[in-house]
Amino acid sequence: MSERANPDMWVEPEDDPREDLPPASGEKGVLLEYLDRYRMTFEMKCEGLDAEQLARRSVPPSSMSLLGLARHLARVEHSWSRRVFGAQPELPRLYRTDEDPDLDFNGAVADDAVVADAWESWRREVAHAREVEATLDPDATTYVHGRPTEVRDILVHLVEEYARHVGHADLLRECVDGRTGQ
């Protein structure tokens, strides 16, 4: 195995899949490009870990883990793209119940089936969200909790949500195996 030129990075800059994204233009394009970059970054931060490592909790009493973040982000994608943009508020929430509103994190246990379900859910919901987002008009208005909300505000919120959680993923991954990077 050859030495890497940049061992502190996740991948060599020339191999970074985020660099293959086409350059965006316009408000919607830029927002969706940022969102896709954060989605890709989150997945990169979790690569190569086993169920125990993904489910490892951060600082007690927090229930935050990389696996919990994957489940949470699947829930976020599901909620916005299906329940709000898809106008299906009656859909059951993903990884959330009345009894356990934090099921996304609380149910993130070191089990290969739980890990497989989380990634399958996240990838499915991201794929669906991308299809929905391609049809959105940032100037349009939708309703969130009965209040009119501009689509652009929700897209900015999604970028913010991912940015925050990618930051959490940086710290969680560093705690798991010391790995840091771009």
Protein backbone atom coordinates (compact mmCIF):
# COMPACT_ATOMS: atom_id res chain seq x y z
CA MET A 1 0.00 0.00 0.00
CA SER A 2 1.47 3.34 -1.00
CA GLU A 3 1.84 6.32 1.28
CA ARG A 4 -0.83 8.96 0.88
CA ALA A 5 0.28 12.49 0.10
CA ASN A 6 -2.38 13.89 2.46
CA PRO A 7 -2.93 11.30 5.22
CA ASP A 8 -5.04 13.71 7.29
CA MET A 9 -7.66 14.03 4.53
CA TRP A 10 -10.50 11.61 3.84
CA VAL A 11 -9.45 11.29 0.22
CA GLU A 12 -6.77 12.82 -1.92
CA PRO A 13 -8.07 16.10 -3.38
CA GLU A 14 -8.02 14.70 -6.92
CA ASP A 15 -10.19 11.74 -5.78
CA ASP A 16 -12.75 13.80 -3.87
CA PRO A 17 -16.20 12.94 -5.34
CA ARG A 18 -17.54 16.32 -4.26
CA GLU A 19 -15.28 17.94 -6.82
CA ASP A 20 -17.18 16.08 -9.58
CA LEU A 21 -20.39 17.99 -8.86
CA PRO A 22 -21.18 20.30 -11.77
CA PRO A 23 -20.77 23.98 -10.93
CA ALA A 24 -24.05 25.49 -9.88
CA SER A 25 -25.55 28.79 -10.83
CA GLY A 26 -28.56 30.68 -9.60
CA GLU A 27 -30.03 30.62 -6.13
CA LYS A 28 -31.69 27.21 -6.35
CA GLY A 29 -28.68 25.59 -8.00
CA VAL A 30 -26.29 26.91 -5.38
CA LEU A 31 -28.52 25.83 -2.48
CA LEU A 32 -28.90 22.32 -3.90
CA GLU A 33 -25.16 22.07 -4.61
CA TYR A 34 -24.36 22.97 -1.00
CA LEU A 35 -26.93 20.45 0.19
CA ASP A 36 -25.45 17.70 -1.99
CA ARG A 37 -21.91 18.50 -0.84
CA TYR A 38 -22.98 18.20 2.80
CA ARG A 39 -24.84 14.96 2.08
CA MET A 40 -21.72 13.52 0.45
CA THR A 41 -19.49 14.79 3.25
CA PHE A 42 -21.69 13.20 5.90
CA GLU A 43 -21.53 9.84 4.15
CA MET A 44 -17.75 10.12 3.79
CA LYS A 45 -17.38 10.82 7.52
CA CYS A 46 -19.11 7.50 8.29
CA GLU A 47 -17.33 5.28 5.76
CA GLY A 48 -15.38 2.27 6.93
CA LEU A 49 -16.89 1.99 10.41
CA ASP A 50 -18.55 -1.06 11.91
CA ALA A 51 -21.85 -1.13 13.81
CA GLU A 52 -20.22 -0.61 17.21
CA GLN A 53 -18.21 2.38 15.99
CA LEU A 54 -21.22 3.98 14.26
CA ALA A 55 -23.38 3.51 17.35
CA ARG A 56 -20.75 4.78 19.79
CA ARG A 57 -22.19 7.65 21.82
CA SER A 58 -20.52 10.99 22.21
CA VAL A 59 -20.22 12.59 25.62
CA PRO A 60 -22.66 11.25 28.23
CA PRO A 61 -25.52 11.82 28.75
CA SER A 62 -25.88 12.64 25.04
CA SER A 63 -27.33 9.91 22.85
CA MET A 64 -25.66 11.36 19.74
CA SER A 65 -23.77 8.94 17.51
CA LEU A 66 -22.90 8.73 13.83
CA LEU A 67 -25.59 6.07 13.41
CA GLY A 68 -28.08 8.28 15.23
CA LEU A 69 -27.17 11.13 12.89
CA ALA A 70 -27.77 8.91 9.84
CA ARG A 71 -31.20 7.98 11.21
CA HIS A 72 -31.93 11.60 12.14
CA LEU A 73 -30.97 12.90 8.71
CA ALA A 74 -33.12 10.23 7.06
CA ARG A 75 -35.97 11.47 9.25
CA VAL A 76 -35.26 15.09 8.26
CA GLU A 77 -35.22 14.24 4.55
CA HIS A 78 -38.44 12.21 4.91
CA SER A 79 -40.23 14.92 6.82
CA TRP A 80 -39.45 17.76 4.43
CA SER A 81 -39.66 15.97 1.08
CA ARG A 82 -42.63 13.72 1.78
CA ARG A 83 -44.63 15.25 4.60
CA VAL A 84 -44.17 18.94 3.69
CA PHE A 85 -43.26 19.24 -0.01
CA GLY A 86 -45.20 16.07 -0.83
CA ALA A 87 -48.20 17.37 1.13
CA GLN A 88 -48.52 14.09 3.03
CA PRO A 89 -48.51 15.21 6.68
CA GLU A 90 -50.43 12.08 7.64
CA LEU A 91 -47.41 9.86 6.87
CA PRO A 92 -45.95 8.29 9.99
CA ARG A 93 -42.73 9.97 11.00
CA LEU A 94 -39.55 8.06 10.32
CA TYR A 95 -37.61 7.07 13.47
CA ARG A 96 -39.98 8.94 15.78
CA THR A 97 -42.94 7.93 17.89
CA ASP A 98 -45.08 9.73 20.44
CA GLU A 99 -43.55 7.47 23.09
CA ASP A 100 -40.00 8.17 21.91
CA PRO A 101 -39.59 11.42 19.97
CA ASP A 102 -35.81 10.80 19.96
CA LEU A 103 -36.03 7.29 18.53
CA ASP A 104 -33.63 8.27 15.75
CA PHE A 105 -30.85 8.52 18.36
CA ASN A 106 -32.18 6.25 21.09
CA GLY A 107 -32.69 3.37 18.66
CA ALA A 108 -29.22 3.69 17.12
CA VAL A 109 -27.78 0.51 18.58
CA ALA A 110 -24.73 -1.50 17.51
CA ASP A 111 -26.52 -4.01 15.31
CA ASP A 112 -25.73 -4.68 11.65
CA ALA A 113 -29.44 -4.78 10.78
CA VAL A 114 -30.01 -1.38 12.40
CA VAL A 115 -27.05 0.04 10.47
CA ALA A 116 -28.27 -1.44 7.18
CA ASP A 117 -31.77 -0.06 7.78
CA ALA A 118 -30.43 3.40 8.62
CA TRP A 119 -28.31 3.66 5.47
CA GLU A 120 -31.06 2.20 3.27
CA SER A 121 -33.52 4.72 4.72
CA TRP A 122 -31.13 7.65 4.40
CA ARG A 123 -30.20 6.83 0.80
CA ARG A 124 -33.84 6.24 -0.18
CA GLU A 125 -34.95 9.53 1.39
CA VAL A 126 -32.05 11.50 -0.11
CA ALA A 127 -32.84 10.09 -3.58
CA HIS A 128 -36.51 11.00 -3.16
CA ALA A 129 -35.62 14.46 -1.82
CA ARG A 130 -33.39 15.14 -4.83
CA GLU A 131 -36.26 14.30 -7.18
CA VAL A 132 -38.60 16.61 -5.27
CA GLU A 133 -36.04 19.41 -4.95
CA ALA A 134 -35.47 19.42 -8.73
CA THR A 135 -39.11 20.49 -9.17
CA LEU A 136 -39.19 23.19 -6.49
CA ASP A 137 -39.43 26.92 -7.01
CA PRO A 138 -37.64 28.83 -4.21
CA ASP A 139 -40.18 31.64 -4.55
CA ALA A 140 -43.11 29.30 -3.94
CA THR A 141 -44.85 29.08 -0.60
CA THR A 142 -45.75 25.92 1.27
CA TYR A 143 -47.25 25.42 4.71
CA VAL A 144 -45.34 24.33 7.78
CA HIS A 145 -47.41 23.82 10.91
CA GLY A 146 -50.20 25.79 9.23
CA ARG A 147 -48.00 28.80 8.50
CA PRO A 148 -46.96 29.93 5.03
CA THR A 149 -43.23 29.38 4.48
CA GLU A 150 -41.11 30.11 1.42
CA VAL A 151 -39.48 27.06 -0.15
CA ARG A 152 -36.12 28.91 -0.10
CA ASP A 153 -36.34 29.14 3.70
CA ILE A 154 -36.74 25.36 3.93
CA LEU A 155 -33.85 24.74 1.53
CA VAL A 156 -31.62 27.07 3.57
CA HIS A 157 -32.77 25.25 6.70
CA LEU A 158 -31.75 21.91 5.15
CA VAL A 159 -28.29 23.27 4.32
CA GLU A 160 -27.99 24.53 7.90
CA GLU A 161 -29.19 21.19 9.30
CA TYR A 162 -26.59 19.25 7.35
CA ALA A 163 -23.81 21.76 8.07
CA ARG A 164 -24.44 21.47 11.80
CA HIS A 165 -24.57 17.68 11.75
CA VAL A 166 -21.50 17.32 9.53
CA GLY A 167 -19.70 19.29 12.22
CA HIS A 168 -20.98 16.84 14.81
CA ALA A 169 -19.85 13.97 12.56
CA ASP A 170 -16.32 15.45 12.43
CA LEU A 171 -16.06 15.33 16.20
CA LEU A 172 -17.72 11.92 16.55
CA ARG A 173 -15.44 10.36 13.94
CA GLU A 174 -12.38 11.84 15.59
CA CYS A 175 -13.49 10.25 18.88
CA VAL A 176 -13.95 6.87 17.20
CA ASP A 177 -10.59 6.53 15.45
CA GLY A 178 -8.81 9.88 15.54
CA ARG A 179 -9.49 10.52 11.88
CA THR A 180 -9.94 14.09 10.78
CA GLY A 181 -9.98 15.66 7.34
CA GLN A 182 -11.72 17.77 4.78
